[in-house]
């Protein structure tokens, strides 16, 4: 247990360090240094490589999570599990490469219409996909050996530091944009090399196969798990990348750059939920194992009220400073104003339904999650096809908000019907009323010429107007407990 707690703490630190670095790069440096088309190129390279690499693993990352304990045996080299993973990655990459070569001419023609700059980098994209495939496989293997933080550090921190260095070299005219793009691809590829060297150094990298261990029942389990993992993994990646890909295909790279940067700001609403939901995953699994429906109900109700309070506060804080955000981004990004609103709103709706995904995913009916994810993918693609041609990048954001609403409505109705779980009460209306009042009063603050000072004052007033009623009305015991701990630490209360 000690090693798990230790790695969880370090992993959380690396994740939040990555969030800060991500804000510096995506929120400040990229919009100020590069054109919207150049930013769009970088984001679409990431979107395509992530999506294709997920397919290229052939679902083996899911096999690692579920079935590695059946292979685990240090003396035998884990019965050739790593060679099996590498062989799967090679097959997946060759399959991906073959499909690329077959459809290459069509894809070049498709990209040249809206995104001619992307055509120059489609071949190097294959290199990035190769390294992405093997990072997923090697990091999954290393995590299964109870070393989860190394991959987190490489992806969340080290990779982003390399990107910042590349941006600095470009800014001071030491490299041109073409060289920067190759450096960007290199920065995203290097973590794979580092994790491979780490495995070799720790003598966990063995290529000795043990095909005799792969009996028919185990092979059947691997096949089913891989298939299930491909569907789930691709669904999640499509959800994360389809709007960027469709904006690029239907409008172009410049619009993709604006959309991806503004999407990043809208995503801020949901960042605090990560830590809570990570804990909810573990607690929900234990509760279902013990068939403790009362504990599950408690998790559901508390997570909904807590995340709704946090989500409302983050969303209002974002929107009350919307004009200041575009002073940071610059006038080229003003077309993304409503992208921030609807992406933020979609994430607020997602937070309002609390740990529904964790509860459903840990339940005996976990397979229904796959069905809901497929519905979400269909909804995203359909709404994007309908709305992007008529209202551009705002349409993609509205489509995302609608699709998240549909997904969470399905989860809510299923948990209500199947397990009689219903977490909502009059407190939610009270929280919404407090939030609207706090926002309305804050809008009367005159705009200050110095935007940093304006952000500080506006955010402080909103915090006081929203937080004090929430605290004194004791709407969420969990939030009050944390607030009291903080006040005791400051010696304001005893």
Protein backbone atom coordinates (compact mmCIF):
# COMPACT_ATOMS: atom_id res chain seq x y z
CA UNK A 1 0.00 0.00 0.00
CA UNK A 2 2.90 2.36 0.83
CA UNK A 3 4.31 2.23 -2.70
CA UNK A 4 0.86 2.93 -4.18
CA UNK A 5 0.31 5.96 -1.95
CA UNK A 6 3.83 7.23 -2.64
CA UNK A 7 3.42 6.93 -6.40
CA UNK A 8 -0.05 8.46 -6.28
CA UNK A 9 1.32 11.56 -4.52
CA UNK A 10 4.22 11.89 -6.96
CA UNK A 11 1.94 11.22 -9.91
CA UNK A 12 -0.44 13.96 -8.78
CA UNK A 13 2.46 16.42 -8.43
CA UNK A 14 3.70 15.58 -11.94
CA UNK A 15 0.19 15.88 -13.36
CA UNK A 16 -0.35 19.35 -11.93
CA UNK A 17 3.16 20.41 -12.98
CA UNK A 18 2.14 19.27 -16.46
CA UNK A 19 -1.05 21.35 -16.26
CA UNK A 20 1.02 24.45 -15.41
CA UNK A 21 3.45 23.76 -18.26
CA UNK A 22 0.51 23.08 -20.57
CA UNK A 23 -0.98 26.46 -19.68
CA UNK A 24 2.35 28.19 -20.33
CA UNK A 25 2.73 26.56 -23.74
CA UNK A 26 -0.87 26.37 -25.03
CA UNK A 27 -2.34 29.35 -23.18
CA UNK A 28 0.50 31.86 -23.45
CA UNK A 29 3.47 30.98 -25.67
CA UNK A 30 1.88 29.31 -28.71
CA UNK A 31 -0.82 32.00 -29.31
CA UNK A 32 1.71 34.84 -28.90
CA UNK A 33 4.57 33.41 -30.98
CA UNK A 34 2.94 31.38 -33.76
CA UNK A 35 0.19 32.05 -36.28
CA UNK A 36 -3.19 30.37 -35.80
CA UNK A 37 -2.38 28.10 -38.77
CA UNK A 38 0.91 27.01 -37.21
CA UNK A 39 -0.78 26.31 -33.86
CA UNK A 40 -3.44 24.35 -35.73
CA UNK A 41 -0.75 22.22 -37.39
CA UNK A 42 0.80 21.29 -34.04
CA UNK A 43 -2.57 20.37 -32.54
CA UNK A 44 -3.73 18.31 -35.53
CA UNK A 45 -0.44 16.37 -35.52
CA UNK A 46 -1.11 15.44 -31.89
CA UNK A 47 -4.75 14.56 -32.63
CA UNK A 48 -3.95 12.29 -35.60
CA UNK A 49 -1.00 10.58 -33.92
CA UNK A 50 -2.92 9.90 -30.69
CA UNK A 51 -5.91 8.45 -32.53
CA UNK A 52 -3.92 6.25 -34.91
CA UNK A 53 -1.49 5.11 -32.19
CA UNK A 54 -4.39 3.95 -30.03
CA UNK A 55 -5.52 1.75 -32.93
CA UNK A 56 -1.92 0.64 -33.52
CA UNK A 57 -1.65 -0.93 -30.06
CA UNK A 58 -4.41 -3.34 -31.15
CA UNK A 59 -5.94 -3.06 -27.69
CA UNK A 60 -2.93 -4.58 -25.94
CA UNK A 61 -2.80 -1.82 -23.34
CA UNK A 62 -6.12 -3.14 -22.05
CA UNK A 63 -4.68 -6.66 -21.98
CA UNK A 64 -1.80 -5.38 -19.84
CA UNK A 65 -4.11 -3.77 -17.30
CA UNK A 66 -6.38 -6.79 -16.92
CA UNK A 67 -4.26 -9.86 -17.64
CA UNK A 68 -0.65 -9.08 -16.69
CA UNK A 69 -1.15 -10.60 -13.17
CA UNK A 70 -1.61 -13.98 -14.91
CA UNK A 71 1.85 -13.58 -16.55
CA UNK A 72 3.70 -11.96 -13.67
CA UNK A 73 6.71 -14.03 -12.67
CA UNK A 74 10.11 -12.31 -12.49
CA UNK A 75 12.10 -15.55 -12.73
CA UNK A 76 10.59 -16.49 -16.09
CA UNK A 77 10.69 -12.93 -17.47
CA UNK A 78 6.91 -12.74 -16.95
CA UNK A 79 6.43 -15.60 -19.42
CA UNK A 80 7.45 -13.46 -22.39
CA UNK A 81 4.83 -10.78 -21.82
CA UNK A 82 7.01 -7.89 -23.05
CA UNK A 83 7.99 -9.64 -26.34
CA UNK A 84 4.29 -10.34 -26.88
CA UNK A 85 3.51 -6.64 -26.34
CA UNK A 86 6.32 -5.55 -28.69
CA UNK A 87 5.25 -8.05 -31.36
CA UNK A 88 1.69 -6.73 -31.11
CA UNK A 89 3.02 -3.16 -31.48
CA UNK A 90 5.04 -4.09 -34.59
CA UNK A 91 2.01 -5.76 -36.18
CA UNK A 92 -0.17 -2.78 -35.28
CA UNK A 93 2.35 -0.30 -36.71
CA UNK A 94 2.79 -2.27 -39.94
CA UNK A 95 -0.98 -2.44 -40.30
CA UNK A 96 -1.20 1.31 -39.74
CA UNK A 97 1.62 1.96 -42.21
CA UNK A 98 -0.05 -0.25 -44.80
CA UNK A 99 -3.35 1.62 -44.49
CA UNK A 100 -1.49 4.93 -44.76
CA UNK A 101 0.27 3.86 -47.97
CA UNK A 102 -3.00 2.61 -49.48
CA UNK A 103 -4.90 5.84 -48.72
CA UNK A 104 -1.93 8.22 -48.95
CA UNK A 105 -2.87 9.90 -52.23
CA UNK A 106 -6.48 10.41 -51.15
CA UNK A 107 -5.39 11.78 -47.78
CA UNK A 108 -2.89 14.18 -49.40
CA UNK A 109 -5.61 15.48 -51.71
CA UNK A 110 -8.07 15.83 -48.83
CA UNK A 111 -5.58 17.78 -46.68
CA UNK A 112 -4.35 20.00 -49.52
CA UNK A 113 -7.83 21.53 -49.91
CA UNK A 114 -8.17 22.99 -46.40
CA UNK A 115 -4.78 22.40 -44.74
CA UNK A 116 -1.92 22.55 -47.28
CA UNK A 117 0.65 23.08 -44.51
CA UNK A 118 -0.27 19.70 -43.02
CA UNK A 119 0.67 17.89 -46.26
CA UNK A 120 4.36 18.69 -45.65
CA UNK A 121 4.34 16.77 -42.37
CA UNK A 122 2.19 13.70 -43.07
CA UNK A 123 5.22 11.46 -43.69
CA UNK A 124 7.02 12.55 -40.46
CA UNK A 125 3.71 11.93 -38.68
CA UNK A 126 4.30 8.19 -39.24
CA UNK A 127 7.46 8.43 -37.11
CA UNK A 128 5.50 10.03 -34.28
CA UNK A 129 2.81 7.34 -34.51
CA UNK A 130 5.49 4.64 -34.21
CA UNK A 131 6.89 6.13 -31.02
CA UNK A 132 3.41 6.80 -29.60
CA UNK A 133 2.41 3.15 -30.08
CA UNK A 134 5.43 1.86 -28.22
CA UNK A 135 5.20 4.45 -25.46
CA UNK A 136 1.65 3.25 -24.70
CA UNK A 137 2.79 -0.38 -24.63
CA UNK A 138 6.02 0.13 -22.64
CA UNK A 139 4.43 2.55 -20.17
CA UNK A 140 1.57 0.10 -19.63
CA UNK A 141 4.07 -2.70 -18.97
CA UNK A 142 6.13 -0.53 -16.60
CA UNK A 143 2.97 0.54 -14.76
CA UNK A 144 1.95 -3.11 -14.38
CA UNK A 145 5.30 -3.59 -12.63
CA UNK A 146 4.11 -0.95 -10.11
CA UNK A 147 6.15 1.88 -11.60
CA UNK A 148 3.46 4.29 -12.74
CA UNK A 149 5.10 7.66 -12.12
CA UNK A 150 7.97 7.42 -14.61
CA UNK A 151 5.69 7.55 -17.63
CA UNK A 152 3.64 10.33 -16.03
CA UNK A 153 6.80 12.41 -15.52
CA UNK A 154 8.01 11.82 -19.07
CA UNK A 155 4.68 12.74 -20.66
CA UNK A 156 3.44 15.47 -18.35
CA UNK A 157 6.69 17.25 -17.47
CA UNK A 158 9.79 16.22 -19.45
CA UNK A 159 8.07 16.27 -22.85
CA UNK A 160 6.57 19.72 -22.20
CA UNK A 161 9.92 21.11 -21.00
CA UNK A 162 11.46 19.99 -24.31
CA UNK A 163 8.65 21.74 -26.19
CA UNK A 164 9.22 24.97 -24.22
CA UNK A 165 12.93 24.76 -25.13
CA UNK A 166 11.97 24.35 -28.78
CA UNK A 167 9.68 27.38 -28.59
CA UNK A 168 12.51 29.43 -27.06
CA UNK A 169 14.89 28.39 -29.88
CA UNK A 170 12.30 29.44 -32.45
CA UNK A 171 11.54 32.72 -30.67
CA UNK A 172 15.21 33.73 -30.69
CA UNK A 173 15.54 32.79 -34.41
CA UNK A 174 17.93 29.92 -33.72
CA UNK A 175 15.66 27.55 -35.68
CA UNK A 176 12.92 28.10 -38.27
CA UNK A 177 9.36 26.77 -38.05
CA UNK A 178 10.13 23.71 -40.16
CA UNK A 179 12.91 22.73 -37.78
CA UNK A 180 10.67 23.48 -34.79
CA UNK A 181 7.99 21.06 -36.06
CA UNK A 182 10.58 18.29 -36.30
CA UNK A 183 11.77 19.24 -32.82
CA UNK A 184 8.14 19.09 -31.62
CA UNK A 185 7.76 15.61 -33.08
CA UNK A 186 11.08 14.67 -31.48
CA UNK A 187 9.98 15.98 -28.07
CA UNK A 188 6.88 13.79 -28.26
CA UNK A 189 8.92 10.77 -29.34
CA UNK A 190 11.81 10.95 -26.85
CA UNK A 191 9.79 9.65 -23.83
CA UNK A 192 9.53 6.27 -25.57
CA UNK A 193 13.33 5.99 -25.79
CA UNK A 194 13.74 7.01 -22.15
CA UNK A 195 11.23 4.49 -20.85
CA UNK A 196 12.85 1.73 -22.93
CA UNK A 197 16.29 2.59 -21.49
CA UNK A 198 14.82 2.62 -17.99
CA UNK A 199 13.42 -0.88 -18.46
CA UNK A 200 16.80 -2.06 -19.76
CA UNK A 201 18.64 -0.41 -16.85
CA UNK A 202 16.32 -2.08 -14.33
CA UNK A 203 16.72 -5.43 -16.13
CA UNK A 204 13.01 -5.59 -16.92
CA UNK A 205 13.52 -5.53 -20.71
CA UNK A 206 13.67 -9.09 -21.92
CA UNK A 207 12.95 -10.30 -25.46
CA UNK A 208 12.78 -13.98 -24.51
CA UNK A 209 9.42 -15.23 -25.74
CA UNK A 210 7.43 -18.02 -24.10
CA UNK A 211 4.73 -18.98 -26.58
CA UNK A 212 4.18 -22.31 -24.83
CA UNK A 213 2.57 -20.38 -21.97
CA UNK A 214 -0.15 -19.07 -24.29
CA UNK A 215 -2.74 -21.81 -23.85
CA UNK A 216 -6.09 -21.58 -25.63
CA UNK A 217 -8.15 -20.20 -22.67
CA UNK A 218 -5.56 -17.46 -22.08
CA UNK A 219 -5.41 -16.63 -25.79
CA UNK A 220 -9.19 -16.35 -25.86
CA UNK A 221 -9.10 -13.99 -22.88
CA UNK A 222 -6.38 -11.89 -24.57
CA UNK A 223 -8.40 -11.69 -27.78
CA UNK A 224 -11.63 -10.66 -26.07
CA UNK A 225 -9.88 -8.16 -23.82
CA UNK A 226 -7.97 -6.66 -26.77
CA UNK A 227 -11.17 -6.27 -28.78
CA UNK A 228 -12.97 -4.65 -25.85
CA UNK A 229 -9.96 -2.37 -25.26
CA UNK A 230 -9.80 -1.30 -28.92
CA UNK A 231 -13.46 -0.28 -28.87
CA UNK A 232 -13.16 1.57 -25.56
CA UNK A 233 -9.78 3.13 -26.32
CA UNK A 234 -10.74 4.32 -29.79
CA UNK A 235 -14.05 5.66 -28.50
CA UNK A 236 -12.29 7.73 -25.84
CA UNK A 237 -9.67 9.01 -28.30
CA UNK A 238 -12.31 9.84 -30.90
CA UNK A 239 -14.19 11.78 -28.24
CA UNK A 240 -11.01 13.71 -27.40
CA UNK A 241 -9.88 14.40 -30.98
CA UNK A 242 -12.84 14.22 -33.37
CA UNK A 243 -13.80 17.89 -33.06
CA UNK A 244 -10.20 19.02 -33.78
CA UNK A 245 -9.97 16.66 -36.76
CA UNK A 246 -13.36 17.71 -38.15
CA UNK A 247 -12.70 21.43 -37.70
CA UNK A 248 -9.43 20.94 -39.60
CA UNK A 249 -11.09 18.93 -42.37
CA UNK A 250 -14.11 21.22 -42.78
CA UNK A 251 -12.58 24.68 -42.15
CA UNK A 252 -8.78 24.49 -42.05
CA UNK A 253 -5.65 24.69 -39.91
CA UNK A 254 -6.12 28.31 -38.83
CA UNK A 255 -9.55 27.56 -37.37
CA UNK A 256 -8.10 24.42 -35.77
CA UNK A 257 -5.48 26.56 -34.02
CA UNK A 258 -8.12 28.92 -32.62
CA UNK A 259 -10.40 26.06 -31.60
CA UNK A 260 -7.71 23.99 -29.87
CA UNK A 261 -6.36 26.89 -27.80
CA UNK A 262 -9.85 28.04 -26.74
CA UNK A 263 -10.82 24.41 -26.05
CA UNK A 264 -7.88 24.26 -23.62
CA UNK A 265 -9.31 27.20 -21.63
CA UNK A 266 -12.79 25.63 -21.58
CA UNK A 267 -11.24 22.45 -20.22
CA UNK A 268 -10.05 24.37 -17.14
CA UNK A 269 -13.50 23.93 -15.61
CA UNK A 270 -12.99 20.19 -15.18
CA UNK A 271 -9.34 20.11 -14.02
CA UNK A 272 -10.13 19.97 -10.26
CA UNK A 273 -12.33 16.92 -10.85
CA UNK A 274 -9.40 14.69 -11.80
CA UNK A 275 -8.15 14.04 -8.26
CA UNK A 276 -11.68 13.45 -6.90
CA UNK A 277 -12.64 11.04 -9.69
CA UNK A 278 -9.36 9.12 -9.38
CA UNK A 279 -10.21 8.42 -5.73
CA UNK A 280 -13.82 7.64 -6.68
CA UNK A 281 -12.60 4.93 -9.09
CA UNK A 282 -10.87 3.07 -6.26
CA UNK A 283 -13.60 3.53 -3.64
CA UNK A 284 -16.36 2.56 -6.10
CA UNK A 285 -14.56 -0.66 -7.02
CA UNK A 286 -14.29 -1.62 -3.34
CA UNK A 287 -17.95 -0.76 -2.72
CA UNK A 288 -19.15 -2.90 -5.63
CA UNK A 289 -16.89 -5.75 -4.55
CA UNK A 290 -18.60 -5.67 -1.13
CA UNK A 291 -22.00 -5.08 -2.74
CA UNK A 292 -22.37 -2.01 -0.50
CA UNK A 293 -25.08 -0.01 -2.27
CA UNK A 294 -25.30 2.50 0.58
CA UNK A 295 -21.64 3.39 0.14
CA UNK A 296 -22.13 3.70 -3.61
CA UNK A 297 -25.11 6.00 -3.05
CA UNK A 298 -23.01 8.08 -0.66
CA UNK A 299 -20.18 8.36 -3.20
CA UNK A 300 -22.63 9.36 -5.93
CA UNK A 301 -24.45 12.02 -3.89
CA UNK A 302 -21.33 13.57 -2.36
CA UNK A 303 -19.40 13.62 -5.64
CA UNK A 304 -22.31 15.29 -7.47
CA UNK A 305 -22.79 18.11 -4.94
CA UNK A 306 -19.05 18.69 -4.46
CA UNK A 307 -18.17 18.68 -8.16
CA UNK A 308 -21.18 20.87 -9.00
CA UNK A 309 -20.01 23.52 -6.52
CA UNK A 310 -16.45 23.38 -7.88
CA UNK A 311 -17.66 23.31 -11.48
CA UNK A 312 -19.98 26.33 -11.06
CA UNK A 313 -17.18 28.30 -9.40
CA UNK A 314 -14.62 27.40 -12.12
CA UNK A 315 -17.09 28.12 -14.95
CA UNK A 316 -18.11 31.51 -13.53
CA UNK A 317 -14.49 32.39 -12.81
CA UNK A 318 -13.64 31.59 -16.42
CA UNK A 319 -16.53 33.56 -17.89
CA UNK A 320 -16.23 36.60 -15.64
CA UNK A 321 -12.64 36.95 -16.94
CA UNK A 322 -13.41 36.15 -20.57
CA UNK A 323 -12.29 39.55 -21.89
CA UNK A 324 -9.03 39.25 -19.95
CA UNK A 325 -8.41 35.83 -21.49
CA UNK A 326 -8.43 37.38 -24.95
CA UNK A 327 -6.03 40.07 -23.80
CA UNK A 328 -3.69 37.14 -23.12
CA UNK A 329 -4.46 35.30 -26.37
CA UNK A 330 -4.68 38.30 -28.69
CA UNK A 331 -7.29 39.41 -31.27
CA UNK A 332 -6.67 36.45 -33.62
CA UNK A 333 -8.46 34.19 -31.13
CA UNK A 334 -11.57 36.27 -30.46
CA UNK A 335 -13.60 33.99 -32.75
CA UNK A 336 -13.19 31.32 -30.07
CA UNK A 337 -15.02 33.23 -27.32
CA UNK A 338 -18.11 31.04 -27.46
CA UNK A 339 -15.97 27.93 -27.85
CA UNK A 340 -14.69 28.61 -24.32
CA UNK A 341 -18.27 29.12 -23.09
CA UNK A 342 -19.74 25.92 -24.54
CA UNK A 343 -16.73 23.70 -23.80
CA UNK A 344 -16.80 25.03 -20.23
CA UNK A 345 -20.56 24.47 -20.03
CA UNK A 346 -20.20 20.91 -21.31
CA UNK A 347 -17.58 20.17 -18.67
CA UNK A 348 -19.81 21.74 -16.00
CA UNK A 349 -22.65 19.42 -17.02
CA UNK A 350 -20.22 16.49 -16.88
CA UNK A 351 -19.14 17.47 -13.34
CA UNK A 352 -22.75 17.92 -12.21
CA UNK A 353 -23.33 14.18 -12.57
CA UNK A 354 -20.36 13.45 -10.30
CA UNK A 355 -18.71 10.04 -10.26
CA UNK A 356 -21.33 8.38 -12.46
CA UNK A 357 -18.65 7.06 -14.83
CA UNK A 358 -16.59 5.59 -11.97
CA UNK A 359 -19.66 3.98 -10.38
CA UNK A 360 -20.94 2.51 -13.62
CA UNK A 361 -17.47 1.42 -14.77
CA UNK A 362 -16.85 -0.50 -11.54
CA UNK A 363 -20.32 -2.07 -11.47
CA UNK A 364 -21.22 -5.58 -12.69
CA UNK A 365 -22.84 -3.84 -15.68
CA UNK A 366 -19.60 -2.12 -16.72
CA UNK A 367 -19.95 -3.18 -20.38
CA UNK A 368 -22.81 -0.73 -20.85
CA UNK A 369 -20.15 2.01 -20.66
CA UNK A 370 -18.93 0.90 -24.08
CA UNK A 371 -22.41 1.31 -25.53
CA UNK A 372 -22.72 4.79 -24.05
CA UNK A 373 -19.29 5.78 -25.41
CA UNK A 374 -20.33 4.63 -28.88
CA UNK A 375 -23.50 6.74 -28.58
CA UNK A 376 -21.31 9.69 -27.59
CA UNK A 377 -19.06 9.22 -30.63
CA UNK A 378 -22.08 9.07 -32.95
CA UNK A 379 -23.55 12.17 -31.29
CA UNK A 380 -20.28 14.11 -31.60
CA UNK A 381 -19.81 13.28 -35.27
CA UNK A 382 -23.48 13.98 -36.10
CA UNK A 383 -23.65 17.33 -34.31
CA UNK A 384 -20.31 18.41 -35.81
CA UNK A 385 -21.48 17.55 -39.33
CA UNK A 386 -24.64 19.53 -38.71
CA UNK A 387 -23.26 22.56 -36.85
CA UNK A 388 -19.70 23.21 -38.09
CA UNK A 389 -20.77 24.16 -41.66
CA UNK A 390 -23.35 26.64 -40.34
CA UNK A 391 -21.62 28.25 -37.31
CA UNK A 392 -17.99 27.16 -37.58
CA UNK A 393 -15.86 26.36 -34.54
CA UNK A 394 -18.64 27.44 -32.17
CA UNK A 395 -20.71 24.64 -33.70
CA UNK A 396 -18.06 22.08 -32.72
CA UNK A 397 -18.15 23.37 -29.15
CA UNK A 398 -21.97 23.27 -29.03
CA UNK A 399 -21.86 19.74 -30.42
CA UNK A 400 -19.46 18.75 -27.65
CA UNK A 401 -21.72 20.23 -24.97
CA UNK A 402 -24.82 18.51 -26.41
CA UNK A 403 -22.99 15.17 -26.65
CA UNK A 404 -21.70 15.32 -23.06
CA UNK A 405 -25.23 16.13 -21.92
CA UNK A 406 -26.60 13.11 -23.78
CA UNK A 407 -23.89 10.83 -22.35
CA UNK A 408 -24.46 11.94 -18.77
CA UNK A 409 -28.25 11.77 -19.16
CA UNK A 410 -27.90 8.14 -20.29
CA UNK A 411 -25.64 7.33 -17.33
CA UNK A 412 -27.97 9.08 -14.91
CA UNK A 413 -31.09 7.31 -16.20
CA UNK A 414 -29.36 3.92 -16.23
CA UNK A 415 -28.11 4.22 -12.63
CA UNK A 416 -31.54 5.47 -11.55
CA UNK A 417 -33.43 2.67 -13.33
CA UNK A 418 -31.01 -0.20 -12.58
CA UNK A 419 -29.82 0.63 -9.06
CA UNK A 420 -32.33 3.27 -7.85
CA UNK A 421 -29.52 5.84 -7.50
CA UNK A 422 -30.68 9.46 -7.77
CA UNK A 423 -28.32 12.11 -6.30
CA UNK A 424 -30.10 15.42 -6.99
CA UNK A 425 -32.03 17.62 -4.54
CA UNK A 426 -32.96 21.26 -3.87
CA UNK A 427 -29.37 22.13 -2.90
CA UNK A 428 -28.43 22.19 -6.57
CA UNK A 429 -30.96 24.95 -7.24
CA UNK A 430 -29.57 26.91 -4.28
CA UNK A 431 -25.99 26.56 -5.56
CA UNK A 432 -27.04 27.73 -9.02
CA UNK A 433 -28.85 30.75 -7.53
CA UNK A 434 -25.80 31.71 -5.44
CA UNK A 435 -23.60 31.39 -8.51
CA UNK A 436 -25.85 33.54 -10.71
CA UNK A 437 -26.09 36.23 -8.01
CA UNK A 438 -22.30 36.25 -7.47
CA UNK A 439 -21.64 36.52 -11.22
CA UNK A 440 -24.23 39.28 -11.70
CA UNK A 441 -22.76 41.44 -8.91
CA UNK A 442 -19.22 40.89 -10.22
CA UNK A 443 -20.16 42.25 -13.66
CA UNK A 444 -20.68 45.70 -12.09
CA UNK A 445 -16.95 46.00 -11.34
CA UNK A 446 -15.50 48.55 -13.81
CA UNK A 447 -12.92 47.18 -16.25
CA UNK A 448 -9.41 48.06 -15.12
CA UNK A 449 -6.74 49.03 -17.68
CA UNK A 450 -4.24 46.49 -16.27
CA UNK A 451 -5.74 43.08 -17.06
CA UNK A 452 -3.72 41.13 -14.45
CA UNK A 453 -5.00 43.42 -11.69
CA UNK A 454 -8.51 43.13 -13.17
CA UNK A 455 -8.30 39.31 -13.04
CA UNK A 456 -7.17 39.39 -9.40
CA UNK A 457 -9.90 41.80 -8.23
CA UNK A 458 -12.71 40.26 -10.30
CA UNK A 459 -11.79 36.73 -9.24
CA UNK A 460 -11.44 37.71 -5.57
CA UNK A 461 -14.88 39.36 -5.48
CA UNK A 462 -16.48 36.35 -7.19
CA UNK A 463 -14.77 33.98 -4.75
CA UNK A 464 -16.04 35.89 -1.70
CA UNK A 465 -19.59 36.23 -3.03
CA UNK A 466 -19.79 32.56 -3.99
CA UNK A 467 -17.72 30.81 -1.32
CA UNK A 468 -19.10 32.50 1.80
CA UNK A 469 -22.77 31.48 1.28
CA UNK A 470 -21.67 27.95 0.32
CA UNK A 471 -19.60 27.70 3.50
CA UNK A 472 -22.04 29.24 5.98
CA UNK A 473 -25.07 27.41 4.58
CA UNK A 474 -23.06 24.14 4.94
CA UNK A 475 -24.26 22.87 1.58
CA UNK A 476 -21.40 20.39 1.21
CA UNK A 477 -19.95 18.80 4.39
CA UNK A 478 -16.88 17.67 2.43
CA UNK A 479 -16.09 21.19 1.23
CA UNK A 480 -16.71 22.60 4.71
CA UNK A 481 -14.34 20.03 6.23
CA UNK A 482 -11.59 20.97 3.78
CA UNK A 483 -12.25 24.67 4.31
CA UNK A 484 -12.06 24.21 8.11
CA UNK A 485 -8.75 22.34 7.78
CA UNK A 486 -7.39 25.26 5.77
CA UNK A 487 -8.69 27.84 8.25
CA UNK A 488 -7.20 25.90 11.16
CA UNK A 489 -3.86 25.76 9.34
CA UNK A 490 -4.03 29.56 8.97
CA UNK A 491 -5.04 29.76 12.68
CA UNK A 492 -8.22 31.66 11.78
CA UNK A 493 -10.33 29.12 13.63
CA UNK A 494 -9.50 26.44 16.19
